[in-house]
Amino acid sequence: MANDHRSRDAARSIISVGHLLVGGAAFVFAGVMIVSGSDSRAELGEMLLPLGLLLALAGAVFTYAAATVLRSAPGDRHSLALILSIIELLVGGALASGVFVAGRSYGEPWRSPLLLPSVLLVALGLAGLSLEISRRAARPETH
């Protein structure tokens, strides 16, 4: 029983680090979009710069929430971790639909650059979601 509790806490910590890495990756991607959009020769500069700034803001909020989850006590972080997992699952699903569309256009979906991020986001979202749901189901009733 104690080993099961420790393994769940270790899994939650690993998933929390995964949340933090997703926020950091969003920051890096936003930085690339901002730098690309601020280039005077950029054809889509008017579109990339505002989207990059918006993604940087969303990445900052997500990273802050992930850092809060990572720093908090194991019993205090479940609702925010559940929200982060749902966001990752939704974004992974949106990227997976992009993989589907790209696969239909050139016939080989495994060549899509969206494949790996979508699989990782869906896997991390499902893992976090299953841990949080199993924790809520295992919580004893108090009257």
C-alpha atoms as a PDB file:
ATOM      1  CA  MET A   1       0.000   0.000   0.000  1.00  0.00           C
ATOM      2  CA  ALA A   2       2.811   2.410   0.859  1.00  0.00           C
ATOM      3  CA  ASN A   3       4.655   1.477  -2.335  1.00  0.00           C
ATOM      4  CA  ASP A   4       1.499   2.117  -4.347  1.00  0.00           C
ATOM      5  CA  HIS A   5       1.141   5.541  -2.731  1.00  0.00           C
ATOM      6  CA  ARG A   6       4.812   6.369  -3.390  1.00  0.00           C
ATOM      7  CA  SER A   7       4.588   5.228  -6.992  1.00  0.00           C
ATOM      8  CA  ARG A   8       1.515   7.404  -7.557  1.00  0.00           C
ATOM      9  CA  ASP A   9       3.313  10.386  -6.016  1.00  0.00           C
ATOM     10  CA  ALA A  10       6.317   9.723  -8.254  1.00  0.00           C
ATOM     11  CA  ALA A  11       4.052   9.469 -11.295  1.00  0.00           C
ATOM     12  CA  ARG A  12       2.345  12.744 -10.340  1.00  0.00           C
ATOM     13  CA  SER A  13       5.742  14.427  -9.994  1.00  0.00           C
ATOM     14  CA  ILE A  14       6.845  13.144 -13.400  1.00  0.00           C
ATOM     15  CA  ILE A  15       3.613  14.341 -14.978  1.00  0.00           C
ATOM     16  CA  SER A  16       4.041  17.714 -13.263  1.00  0.00           C
ATOM     17  CA  VAL A  17       7.511  18.025 -14.771  1.00  0.00           C
ATOM     18  CA  GLY A  18       5.921  17.118 -18.109  1.00  0.00           C
ATOM     19  CA  HIS A  19       3.441  19.978 -17.656  1.00  0.00           C
ATOM     20  CA  LEU A  20       6.366  22.303 -16.998  1.00  0.00           C
ATOM     21  CA  LEU A  21       8.154  21.099 -20.144  1.00  0.00           C
ATOM     22  CA  VAL A  22       5.021  21.680 -22.227  1.00  0.00           C
ATOM     23  CA  GLY A  23       4.855  25.263 -20.966  1.00  0.00           C
ATOM     24  CA  GLY A  24       8.538  25.742 -21.755  1.00  0.00           C
ATOM     25  CA  ALA A  25       8.052  24.320 -25.250  1.00  0.00           C
ATOM     26  CA  ALA A  26       5.171  26.750 -25.811  1.00  0.00           C
ATOM     27  CA  PHE A  27       7.513  29.584 -24.775  1.00  0.00           C
ATOM     28  CA  VAL A  28      10.203  28.445 -27.205  1.00  0.00           C
ATOM     29  CA  PHE A  29       7.711  28.081 -30.043  1.00  0.00           C
ATOM     30  CA  ALA A  30       6.276  31.528 -29.259  1.00  0.00           C
ATOM     31  CA  GLY A  31       9.791  32.999 -29.313  1.00  0.00           C
ATOM     32  CA  VAL A  32      10.402  31.520 -32.751  1.00  0.00           C
ATOM     33  CA  MET A  33       7.104  32.942 -33.976  1.00  0.00           C
ATOM     34  CA  ILE A  34       7.916  36.390 -32.561  1.00  0.00           C
ATOM     35  CA  VAL A  35      11.407  36.473 -34.073  1.00  0.00           C
ATOM     36  CA  SER A  36      10.099  35.202 -37.414  1.00  0.00           C
ATOM     37  CA  GLY A  37       7.233  37.674 -37.412  1.00  0.00           C
ATOM     38  CA  SER A  38       9.438  40.665 -36.599  1.00  0.00           C
ATOM     39  CA  ASP A  39      11.685  40.055 -39.614  1.00  0.00           C
ATOM     40  CA  SER A  40      11.119  42.752 -42.245  1.00  0.00           C
ATOM     41  CA  ARG A  41      11.121  40.142 -45.027  1.00  0.00           C
ATOM     42  CA  ALA A  42       8.536  37.916 -43.348  1.00  0.00           C
ATOM     43  CA  GLU A  43       5.585  37.302 -45.609  1.00  0.00           C
ATOM     44  CA  LEU A  44       3.269  36.437 -42.739  1.00  0.00           C
ATOM     45  CA  GLY A  45       4.782  38.930 -40.310  1.00  0.00           C
ATOM     46  CA  GLU A  46       1.488  40.620 -39.535  1.00  0.00           C
ATOM     47  CA  MET A  47       0.053  37.276 -38.526  1.00  0.00           C
ATOM     48  CA  LEU A  48       2.992  35.585 -36.780  1.00  0.00           C
ATOM     49  CA  LEU A  49       3.888  38.395 -34.398  1.00  0.00           C
ATOM     50  CA  PRO A  50       0.473  38.775 -32.675  1.00  0.00           C
ATOM     51  CA  LEU A  51      -0.046  35.006 -32.570  1.00  0.00           C
ATOM     52  CA  GLY A  52       3.438  34.594 -31.115  1.00  0.00           C
ATOM     53  CA  LEU A  53       2.698  37.156 -28.426  1.00  0.00           C
ATOM     54  CA  LEU A  54      -0.611  35.462 -27.636  1.00  0.00           C
ATOM     55  CA  LEU A  55       1.091  32.072 -27.445  1.00  0.00           C
ATOM     56  CA  ALA A  56       3.797  33.550 -25.192  1.00  0.00           C
ATOM     57  CA  LEU A  57       1.100  34.814 -22.835  1.00  0.00           C
ATOM     58  CA  ALA A  58      -0.675  31.455 -22.827  1.00  0.00           C
ATOM     59  CA  GLY A  59       2.664  29.666 -22.350  1.00  0.00           C
ATOM     60  CA  ALA A  60       3.529  31.932 -19.420  1.00  0.00           C
ATOM     61  CA  VAL A  61       0.202  31.231 -17.694  1.00  0.00           C
ATOM     62  CA  PHE A  62       0.526  27.489 -18.374  1.00  0.00           C
ATOM     63  CA  THR A  63       4.136  27.434 -17.111  1.00  0.00           C
ATOM     64  CA  TYR A  64       3.177  29.363 -13.972  1.00  0.00           C
ATOM     65  CA  ALA A  65       0.331  26.939 -13.285  1.00  0.00           C
ATOM     66  CA  ALA A  66       2.622  23.952 -13.903  1.00  0.00           C
ATOM     67  CA  ALA A  67       5.259  25.383 -11.546  1.00  0.00           C
ATOM     68  CA  THR A  68       2.555  25.933  -8.927  1.00  0.00           C
ATOM     69  CA  VAL A  69       1.454  22.306  -9.276  1.00  0.00           C
ATOM     70  CA  LEU A  70       5.052  21.080  -9.028  1.00  0.00           C
ATOM     71  CA  ARG A  71       5.804  23.137  -5.903  1.00  0.00           C
ATOM     72  CA  SER A  72       2.578  22.405  -4.044  1.00  0.00           C
ATOM     73  CA  ALA A  73       2.020  19.584  -1.596  1.00  0.00           C
ATOM     74  CA  PRO A  74       0.757  16.328  -3.124  1.00  0.00           C
ATOM     75  CA  GLY A  75      -2.708  16.721  -1.621  1.00  0.00           C
ATOM     76  CA  ASP A  76      -3.215  20.320  -2.739  1.00  0.00           C
ATOM     77  CA  ARG A  77      -2.543  20.212  -6.458  1.00  0.00           C
ATOM     78  CA  HIS A  78      -5.185  17.989  -7.966  1.00  0.00           C
ATOM     79  CA  SER A  79      -7.721  20.385  -9.458  1.00  0.00           C
ATOM     80  CA  LEU A  80      -5.070  22.514 -11.185  1.00  0.00           C
ATOM     81  CA  ALA A  81      -3.251  19.386 -12.402  1.00  0.00           C
ATOM     82  CA  LEU A  82      -6.548  18.091 -13.775  1.00  0.00           C
ATOM     83  CA  ILE A  83      -7.094  21.351 -15.680  1.00  0.00           C
ATOM     84  CA  LEU A  84      -3.553  21.211 -17.122  1.00  0.00           C
ATOM     85  CA  SER A  85      -4.105  17.612 -18.238  1.00  0.00           C
ATOM     86  CA  ILE A  86      -7.388  18.513 -19.926  1.00  0.00           C
ATOM     87  CA  ILE A  87      -5.719  21.423 -21.753  1.00  0.00           C
ATOM     88  CA  GLU A  88      -2.915  19.130 -22.950  1.00  0.00           C
ATOM     89  CA  LEU A  89      -5.429  16.562 -24.105  1.00  0.00           C
ATOM     90  CA  LEU A  90      -7.419  19.173 -26.042  1.00  0.00           C
ATOM     91  CA  VAL A  91      -4.339  20.704 -27.680  1.00  0.00           C
ATOM     92  CA  GLY A  92      -3.018  17.231 -28.506  1.00  0.00           C
ATOM     93  CA  GLY A  93      -6.354  16.381 -30.104  1.00  0.00           C
ATOM     94  CA  ALA A  94      -6.242  19.570 -32.174  1.00  0.00           C
ATOM     95  CA  LEU A  95      -2.723  18.720 -33.329  1.00  0.00           C
ATOM     96  CA  ALA A  96      -3.829  15.175 -34.122  1.00  0.00           C
ATOM     97  CA  SER A  97      -6.534  16.575 -36.384  1.00  0.00           C
ATOM     98  CA  GLY A  98      -3.778  18.555 -38.102  1.00  0.00           C
ATOM     99  CA  VAL A  99      -1.866  15.309 -38.584  1.00  0.00           C
ATOM    100  CA  PHE A 100      -4.981  13.784 -40.130  1.00  0.00           C
ATOM    101  CA  VAL A 101      -5.396  16.708 -42.536  1.00  0.00           C
ATOM    102  CA  ALA A 102      -1.704  16.685 -43.444  1.00  0.00           C
ATOM    103  CA  GLY A 103      -1.801  12.923 -43.959  1.00  0.00           C
ATOM    104  CA  ARG A 104      -4.707  13.258 -46.359  1.00  0.00           C
ATOM    105  CA  SER A 105      -2.829  15.833 -48.415  1.00  0.00           C
ATOM    106  CA  TYR A 106       0.404  13.896 -48.936  1.00  0.00           C
ATOM    107  CA  GLY A 107      -0.604  10.399 -47.977  1.00  0.00           C
ATOM    108  CA  GLU A 108       1.955   9.628 -45.262  1.00  0.00           C
ATOM    109  CA  PRO A 109       0.873  10.883 -41.828  1.00  0.00           C
ATOM    110  CA  TRP A 110       4.069   9.667 -40.106  1.00  0.00           C
ATOM    111  CA  ARG A 111       6.017  12.338 -42.039  1.00  0.00           C
ATOM    112  CA  SER A 112       4.016  15.142 -40.436  1.00  0.00           C
ATOM    113  CA  PRO A 113       5.952  17.355 -37.993  1.00  0.00           C
ATOM    114  CA  LEU A 114       2.802  17.504 -35.858  1.00  0.00           C
ATOM    115  CA  LEU A 115       2.775  13.761 -35.174  1.00  0.00           C
ATOM    116  CA  LEU A 116       5.249  13.613 -32.283  1.00  0.00           C
ATOM    117  CA  PRO A 117       3.933  16.668 -30.376  1.00  0.00           C
ATOM    118  CA  SER A 118       0.344  15.485 -30.751  1.00  0.00           C
ATOM    119  CA  VAL A 119       1.158  11.983 -29.502  1.00  0.00           C
ATOM    120  CA  LEU A 120       3.159  13.336 -26.561  1.00  0.00           C
ATOM    121  CA  LEU A 121       0.465  15.821 -25.560  1.00  0.00           C
ATOM    122  CA  VAL A 122      -2.313  13.246 -25.792  1.00  0.00           C
ATOM    123  CA  ALA A 123      -0.246  10.712 -23.805  1.00  0.00           C
ATOM    124  CA  LEU A 124       0.646  13.239 -21.100  1.00  0.00           C
ATOM    125  CA  GLY A 125      -2.937  14.501 -20.925  1.00  0.00           C
ATOM    126  CA  LEU A 126      -4.368  10.990 -20.652  1.00  0.00           C
ATOM    127  CA  ALA A 127      -1.800   9.965 -18.035  1.00  0.00           C
ATOM    128  CA  GLY A 128      -2.505  13.034 -15.920  1.00  0.00           C
ATOM    129  CA  LEU A 129      -6.239  12.659 -16.364  1.00  0.00           C
ATOM    130  CA  SER A 130      -6.222   8.995 -15.364  1.00  0.00           C
ATOM    131  CA  LEU A 131      -4.093   9.702 -12.273  1.00  0.00           C
ATOM    132  CA  GLU A 132      -6.338  12.521 -11.125  1.00  0.00           C
ATOM    133  CA  ILE A 133      -9.550  10.589 -11.778  1.00  0.00           C
ATOM    134  CA  SER A 134      -8.218   7.491  -9.999  1.00  0.00           C
ATOM    135  CA  ARG A 135      -7.173   9.654  -7.053  1.00  0.00           C
ATOM    136  CA  ARG A 136     -10.619  11.205  -6.827  1.00  0.00           C
ATOM    137  CA  ALA A 137     -12.253   7.753  -7.063  1.00  0.00           C
ATOM    138  CA  ALA A 138      -9.999   6.336  -4.325  1.00  0.00           C
ATOM    139  CA  ARG A 139     -10.654   9.227  -1.936  1.00  0.00           C
ATOM    140  CA  PRO A 140     -12.543   7.957   1.143  1.00  0.00           C
ATOM    141  CA  GLU A 141     -15.941   9.454   1.875  1.00  0.00           C
ATOM    142  CA  THR A 142     -16.087  11.718   4.946  1.00  0.00           C
ATOM    143  CA  HIS A 143     -19.293  12.694   6.652  1.00  0.00           C
END
